[in-house]
């Protein structure tokens, strides 16, 4: 009888341990609203194009003088780490200043950060209210227009991990370079 209980215990423990493999600790759960926006190449990228993919999103703008600089630098470092680890994930940067950030401006910005555009897309082609709604409703990320007399939009600084079903499941501090390794470790668990 003791042997059966012990074997049952081992079986249950194995199932619990195996069930934990591939799981990451999440800190959010939001369905990303459907979208179809313009890329830096003047093409379109829609949520359905990302279906079945893991992806990391952020919100930036090209003439930002503060937080976007470390955020985009960290996204560039993340792209390098994804390549080093042979991990498959898309990077998506939504502009929060779509009037200024044309596809041409985004292309130049991408070049400044040596972005590999095969898996890093910069998006524009919407009005401010559209991106504000996406930012707040899909990612719970604060976004406010630039105050009178300024061109500096106020926005959140998070990177967001989105699963293949289109659900934002985890956020990271996009201004902190040590978060890159956390993202890499999380992606290793799910791929």
C-alpha atoms as a PDB file:
ATOM      1  CA  UNK A   1       0.000   0.000   0.000  1.00  0.00           C
ATOM      2  CA  UNK A   2       2.810   2.396   0.873  1.00  0.00           C
ATOM      3  CA  UNK A   3       4.506   1.600  -2.417  1.00  0.00           C
ATOM      4  CA  UNK A   4       1.309   2.450  -4.375  1.00  0.00           C
ATOM      5  CA  UNK A   5       0.884   5.732  -2.495  1.00  0.00           C
ATOM      6  CA  UNK A   6       4.509   6.584  -3.151  1.00  0.00           C
ATOM      7  CA  UNK A   7       4.173   5.768  -6.872  1.00  0.00           C
ATOM      8  CA  UNK A   8       0.959   7.802  -7.049  1.00  0.00           C
ATOM      9  CA  UNK A   9       2.738  10.685  -5.344  1.00  0.00           C
ATOM     10  CA  UNK A  10       5.622  10.475  -7.853  1.00  0.00           C
ATOM     11  CA  UNK A  11       3.185  10.397 -10.749  1.00  0.00           C
ATOM     12  CA  UNK A  12       1.242  13.437  -9.501  1.00  0.00           C
ATOM     13  CA  UNK A  13       4.475  15.321  -8.750  1.00  0.00           C
ATOM     14  CA  UNK A  14       5.773  14.567 -12.272  1.00  0.00           C
ATOM     15  CA  UNK A  15       2.553  15.787 -13.861  1.00  0.00           C
ATOM     16  CA  UNK A  16       2.670  19.006 -11.834  1.00  0.00           C
ATOM     17  CA  UNK A  17       6.324  19.610 -12.734  1.00  0.00           C
ATOM     18  CA  UNK A  18       5.783  18.896 -16.408  1.00  0.00           C
ATOM     19  CA  UNK A  19       2.715  21.119 -16.483  1.00  0.00           C
ATOM     20  CA  UNK A  20       4.916  23.961 -15.245  1.00  0.00           C
ATOM     21  CA  UNK A  21       7.424  23.546 -18.071  1.00  0.00           C
ATOM     22  CA  UNK A  22       6.920  26.131 -20.752  1.00  0.00           C
ATOM     23  CA  UNK A  23       4.903  28.395 -18.492  1.00  0.00           C
ATOM     24  CA  UNK A  24       5.996  31.905 -17.686  1.00  0.00           C
ATOM     25  CA  UNK A  25       4.868  34.064 -14.846  1.00  0.00           C
ATOM     26  CA  UNK A  26       2.418  36.542 -16.356  1.00  0.00           C
ATOM     27  CA  UNK A  27       1.403  39.923 -14.965  1.00  0.00           C
ATOM     28  CA  UNK A  28      -1.400  40.860 -17.345  1.00  0.00           C
ATOM     29  CA  UNK A  29      -4.012  39.328 -19.636  1.00  0.00           C
ATOM     30  CA  UNK A  30      -5.467  41.594 -22.324  1.00  0.00           C
ATOM     31  CA  UNK A  31      -6.734  40.750 -25.787  1.00  0.00           C
ATOM     32  CA  UNK A  32      -5.050  42.984 -28.349  1.00  0.00           C
ATOM     33  CA  UNK A  33      -7.675  44.849 -30.358  1.00  0.00           C
ATOM     34  CA  UNK A  34      -7.778  44.185 -34.060  1.00  0.00           C
ATOM     35  CA  UNK A  35      -5.633  46.604 -36.068  1.00  0.00           C
ATOM     36  CA  UNK A  36      -4.261  47.162 -39.547  1.00  0.00           C
ATOM     37  CA  UNK A  37      -1.619  49.895 -39.754  1.00  0.00           C
ATOM     38  CA  UNK A  38       1.065  51.176 -42.129  1.00  0.00           C
ATOM     39  CA  UNK A  39       4.648  49.913 -41.799  1.00  0.00           C
ATOM     40  CA  UNK A  40       7.904  51.771 -42.355  1.00  0.00           C
ATOM     41  CA  UNK A  41       7.885  50.180 -45.835  1.00  0.00           C
ATOM     42  CA  UNK A  42       4.473  51.712 -46.591  1.00  0.00           C
ATOM     43  CA  UNK A  43       2.862  48.278 -46.472  1.00  0.00           C
ATOM     44  CA  UNK A  44       0.285  47.065 -43.964  1.00  0.00           C
ATOM     45  CA  UNK A  45       0.610  44.947 -40.868  1.00  0.00           C
ATOM     46  CA  UNK A  46      -2.518  43.641 -39.189  1.00  0.00           C
ATOM     47  CA  UNK A  47      -3.049  41.758 -35.967  1.00  0.00           C
ATOM     48  CA  UNK A  48      -4.001  38.707 -38.032  1.00  0.00           C
ATOM     49  CA  UNK A  49      -0.533  38.808 -39.669  1.00  0.00           C
ATOM     50  CA  UNK A  50       0.957  38.184 -36.227  1.00  0.00           C
ATOM     51  CA  UNK A  51      -1.357  35.271 -35.457  1.00  0.00           C
ATOM     52  CA  UNK A  52       0.642  32.228 -34.398  1.00  0.00           C
ATOM     53  CA  UNK A  53       3.688  34.375 -33.503  1.00  0.00           C
ATOM     54  CA  UNK A  54       5.152  35.511 -30.216  1.00  0.00           C
ATOM     55  CA  UNK A  55       5.770  39.248 -30.375  1.00  0.00           C
ATOM     56  CA  UNK A  56       6.993  42.137 -28.268  1.00  0.00           C
ATOM     57  CA  UNK A  57       5.343  45.539 -28.617  1.00  0.00           C
ATOM     58  CA  UNK A  58       6.291  49.005 -27.481  1.00  0.00           C
ATOM     59  CA  UNK A  59       5.088  52.574 -27.993  1.00  0.00           C
ATOM     60  CA  UNK A  60       7.630  55.178 -29.113  1.00  0.00           C
ATOM     61  CA  UNK A  61       8.007  58.235 -31.342  1.00  0.00           C
ATOM     62  CA  UNK A  62      10.997  59.305 -33.390  1.00  0.00           C
ATOM     63  CA  UNK A  63      11.476  62.879 -32.173  1.00  0.00           C
ATOM     64  CA  UNK A  64      11.274  61.879 -28.509  1.00  0.00           C
ATOM     65  CA  UNK A  65      14.040  63.453 -26.441  1.00  0.00           C
ATOM     66  CA  UNK A  66      13.782  61.276 -23.332  1.00  0.00           C
ATOM     67  CA  UNK A  67      12.527  57.725 -22.704  1.00  0.00           C
ATOM     68  CA  UNK A  68      12.278  56.524 -26.305  1.00  0.00           C
ATOM     69  CA  UNK A  69      16.051  56.657 -26.651  1.00  0.00           C
ATOM     70  CA  UNK A  70      16.754  53.914 -24.067  1.00  0.00           C
ATOM     71  CA  UNK A  71      13.597  52.038 -25.058  1.00  0.00           C
ATOM     72  CA  UNK A  72      14.572  51.780 -28.728  1.00  0.00           C
ATOM     73  CA  UNK A  73      18.168  51.043 -27.811  1.00  0.00           C
ATOM     74  CA  UNK A  74      16.935  48.196 -25.590  1.00  0.00           C
ATOM     75  CA  UNK A  75      14.654  46.897 -28.352  1.00  0.00           C
ATOM     76  CA  UNK A  76      17.679  46.858 -30.654  1.00  0.00           C
ATOM     77  CA  UNK A  77      19.677  44.922 -28.037  1.00  0.00           C
ATOM     78  CA  UNK A  78      16.733  42.560 -27.615  1.00  0.00           C
ATOM     79  CA  UNK A  79      16.732  41.928 -31.358  1.00  0.00           C
ATOM     80  CA  UNK A  80      20.438  41.072 -31.203  1.00  0.00           C
ATOM     81  CA  UNK A  81      19.833  38.671 -28.282  1.00  0.00           C
ATOM     82  CA  UNK A  82      16.937  36.996 -30.122  1.00  0.00           C
ATOM     83  CA  UNK A  83      19.295  36.343 -33.034  1.00  0.00           C
ATOM     84  CA  UNK A  84      22.066  35.065 -30.733  1.00  0.00           C
ATOM     85  CA  UNK A  85      19.667  32.643 -29.041  1.00  0.00           C
ATOM     86  CA  UNK A  86      17.933  31.688 -32.314  1.00  0.00           C
ATOM     87  CA  UNK A  87      14.541  32.644 -30.849  1.00  0.00           C
ATOM     88  CA  UNK A  88      11.635  33.420 -33.124  1.00  0.00           C
ATOM     89  CA  UNK A  89       9.731  36.548 -32.091  1.00  0.00           C
ATOM     90  CA  UNK A  90       8.487  39.637 -33.874  1.00  0.00           C
ATOM     91  CA  UNK A  91       9.138  43.156 -32.587  1.00  0.00           C
ATOM     92  CA  UNK A  92       6.479  45.800 -33.169  1.00  0.00           C
ATOM     93  CA  UNK A  93       6.986  49.482 -32.365  1.00  0.00           C
ATOM     94  CA  UNK A  94       3.833  51.602 -32.537  1.00  0.00           C
ATOM     95  CA  UNK A  95       4.408  55.314 -33.123  1.00  0.00           C
ATOM     96  CA  UNK A  96       2.490  57.555 -30.723  1.00  0.00           C
ATOM     97  CA  UNK A  97       3.113  60.565 -32.995  1.00  0.00           C
ATOM     98  CA  UNK A  98       1.622  59.314 -36.266  1.00  0.00           C
ATOM     99  CA  UNK A  99       1.325  62.800 -37.793  1.00  0.00           C
ATOM    100  CA  UNK A 100       5.104  63.273 -37.673  1.00  0.00           C
ATOM    101  CA  UNK A 101       6.207  59.643 -37.986  1.00  0.00           C
ATOM    102  CA  UNK A 102       5.617  58.903 -41.648  1.00  0.00           C
ATOM    103  CA  UNK A 103       6.899  55.633 -43.119  1.00  0.00           C
ATOM    104  CA  UNK A 104       9.952  57.520 -44.414  1.00  0.00           C
ATOM    105  CA  UNK A 105      10.731  58.974 -40.977  1.00  0.00           C
ATOM    106  CA  UNK A 106      10.290  55.542 -39.378  1.00  0.00           C
ATOM    107  CA  UNK A 107      12.634  53.956 -41.944  1.00  0.00           C
ATOM    108  CA  UNK A 108      15.332  56.501 -41.134  1.00  0.00           C
ATOM    109  CA  UNK A 109      14.784  55.955 -37.407  1.00  0.00           C
ATOM    110  CA  UNK A 110      15.071  52.181 -37.855  1.00  0.00           C
ATOM    111  CA  UNK A 111      18.351  52.648 -39.707  1.00  0.00           C
ATOM    112  CA  UNK A 112      19.693  54.786 -36.845  1.00  0.00           C
ATOM    113  CA  UNK A 113      19.207  51.797 -34.531  1.00  0.00           C
ATOM    114  CA  UNK A 114      20.458  49.177 -37.031  1.00  0.00           C
ATOM    115  CA  UNK A 115      17.035  47.513 -36.897  1.00  0.00           C
ATOM    116  CA  UNK A 116      16.685  44.304 -38.872  1.00  0.00           C
ATOM    117  CA  UNK A 117      13.309  44.907 -40.483  1.00  0.00           C
ATOM    118  CA  UNK A 118      12.779  41.203 -41.165  1.00  0.00           C
ATOM    119  CA  UNK A 119      11.323  40.855 -37.659  1.00  0.00           C
ATOM    120  CA  UNK A 120      11.067  44.433 -36.350  1.00  0.00           C
ATOM    121  CA  UNK A 121       8.228  46.549 -37.703  1.00  0.00           C
ATOM    122  CA  UNK A 122       7.535  50.226 -37.027  1.00  0.00           C
ATOM    123  CA  UNK A 123       3.894  51.243 -37.386  1.00  0.00           C
ATOM    124  CA  UNK A 124       2.029  54.460 -38.214  1.00  0.00           C
ATOM    125  CA  UNK A 125      -0.893  55.425 -40.486  1.00  0.00           C
ATOM    126  CA  UNK A 126      -3.594  56.125 -37.893  1.00  0.00           C
ATOM    127  CA  UNK A 127      -4.765  59.133 -35.921  1.00  0.00           C
ATOM    128  CA  UNK A 128      -3.767  59.841 -32.331  1.00  0.00           C
ATOM    129  CA  UNK A 129      -7.110  58.722 -30.884  1.00  0.00           C
ATOM    130  CA  UNK A 130      -6.768  55.326 -32.585  1.00  0.00           C
ATOM    131  CA  UNK A 131      -3.332  54.638 -31.114  1.00  0.00           C
ATOM    132  CA  UNK A 132      -4.426  55.995 -27.720  1.00  0.00           C
ATOM    133  CA  UNK A 133      -7.349  53.561 -27.670  1.00  0.00           C
ATOM    134  CA  UNK A 134      -5.109  50.632 -28.675  1.00  0.00           C
ATOM    135  CA  UNK A 135      -2.502  51.592 -26.089  1.00  0.00           C
ATOM    136  CA  UNK A 136      -4.961  51.916 -23.228  1.00  0.00           C
ATOM    137  CA  UNK A 137      -7.481  49.171 -24.020  1.00  0.00           C
ATOM    138  CA  UNK A 138      -5.106  46.493 -25.307  1.00  0.00           C
ATOM    139  CA  UNK A 139      -1.999  47.157 -23.234  1.00  0.00           C
ATOM    140  CA  UNK A 140      -3.230  49.228 -20.280  1.00  0.00           C
ATOM    141  CA  UNK A 141      -0.535  51.717 -21.232  1.00  0.00           C
ATOM    142  CA  UNK A 142      -1.089  55.396 -20.544  1.00  0.00           C
ATOM    143  CA  UNK A 143      -0.898  57.825 -23.491  1.00  0.00           C
ATOM    144  CA  UNK A 144      -1.479  61.597 -23.659  1.00  0.00           C
ATOM    145  CA  UNK A 145      -1.038  64.084 -26.484  1.00  0.00           C
ATOM    146  CA  UNK A 146       1.788  66.587 -26.301  1.00  0.00           C
ATOM    147  CA  UNK A 147       0.835  69.620 -24.225  1.00  0.00           C
ATOM    148  CA  UNK A 148       0.282  72.987 -25.918  1.00  0.00           C
ATOM    149  CA  UNK A 149       3.585  74.339 -27.266  1.00  0.00           C
ATOM    150  CA  UNK A 150       5.403  70.982 -27.082  1.00  0.00           C
ATOM    151  CA  UNK A 151       5.962  68.086 -29.460  1.00  0.00           C
ATOM    152  CA  UNK A 152       6.673  65.582 -26.673  1.00  0.00           C
ATOM    153  CA  UNK A 153       3.938  62.957 -26.283  1.00  0.00           C
ATOM    154  CA  UNK A 154       3.566  61.348 -22.846  1.00  0.00           C
ATOM    155  CA  UNK A 155       3.418  57.555 -22.996  1.00  0.00           C
ATOM    156  CA  UNK A 156       4.208  54.397 -21.089  1.00  0.00           C
ATOM    157  CA  UNK A 157       7.637  52.794 -21.074  1.00  0.00           C
ATOM    158  CA  UNK A 158       6.758  49.105 -21.085  1.00  0.00           C
ATOM    159  CA  UNK A 159       7.581  46.319 -23.502  1.00  0.00           C
ATOM    160  CA  UNK A 160       4.691  43.874 -23.881  1.00  0.00           C
ATOM    161  CA  UNK A 161       4.893  40.157 -24.616  1.00  0.00           C
ATOM    162  CA  UNK A 162       1.994  39.035 -26.807  1.00  0.00           C
ATOM    163  CA  UNK A 163       1.238  35.354 -27.245  1.00  0.00           C
ATOM    164  CA  UNK A 164       0.365  33.606 -30.546  1.00  0.00           C
ATOM    165  CA  UNK A 165      -3.355  34.006 -29.769  1.00  0.00           C
ATOM    166  CA  UNK A 166      -3.036  37.812 -29.669  1.00  0.00           C
ATOM    167  CA  UNK A 167      -3.171  38.292 -25.907  1.00  0.00           C
ATOM    168  CA  UNK A 168      -0.766  40.636 -24.085  1.00  0.00           C
ATOM    169  CA  UNK A 169       0.370  38.458 -21.197  1.00  0.00           C
ATOM    170  CA  UNK A 170       3.356  40.209 -19.646  1.00  0.00           C
ATOM    171  CA  UNK A 171       4.956  43.627 -19.444  1.00  0.00           C
ATOM    172  CA  UNK A 172       8.573  44.581 -18.785  1.00  0.00           C
ATOM    173  CA  UNK A 173      10.272  47.907 -18.104  1.00  0.00           C
ATOM    174  CA  UNK A 174      11.451  49.000 -21.550  1.00  0.00           C
ATOM    175  CA  UNK A 175      13.939  51.505 -20.124  1.00  0.00           C
ATOM    176  CA  UNK A 176      15.899  48.893 -18.157  1.00  0.00           C
ATOM    177  CA  UNK A 177      18.421  46.878 -20.158  1.00  0.00           C
ATOM    178  CA  UNK A 178      18.453  44.051 -17.586  1.00  0.00           C
ATOM    179  CA  UNK A 179      14.849  43.269 -18.596  1.00  0.00           C
ATOM    180  CA  UNK A 180      16.172  41.996 -21.948  1.00  0.00           C
ATOM    181  CA  UNK A 181      17.450  38.817 -20.302  1.00  0.00           C
ATOM    182  CA  UNK A 182      14.096  38.306 -18.578  1.00  0.00           C
ATOM    183  CA  UNK A 183      12.339  38.507 -21.952  1.00  0.00           C
ATOM    184  CA  UNK A 184      14.839  36.072 -23.470  1.00  0.00           C
ATOM    185  CA  UNK A 185      14.345  33.605 -20.611  1.00  0.00           C
ATOM    186  CA  UNK A 186      10.561  33.874 -20.940  1.00  0.00           C
ATOM    187  CA  UNK A 187      10.707  33.234 -24.681  1.00  0.00           C
ATOM    188  CA  UNK A 188      12.965  30.229 -24.146  1.00  0.00           C
ATOM    189  CA  UNK A 189      10.292  28.731 -21.895  1.00  0.00           C
ATOM    190  CA  UNK A 190       7.570  28.980 -24.537  1.00  0.00           C
ATOM    191  CA  UNK A 191       9.485  28.091 -27.696  1.00  0.00           C
END
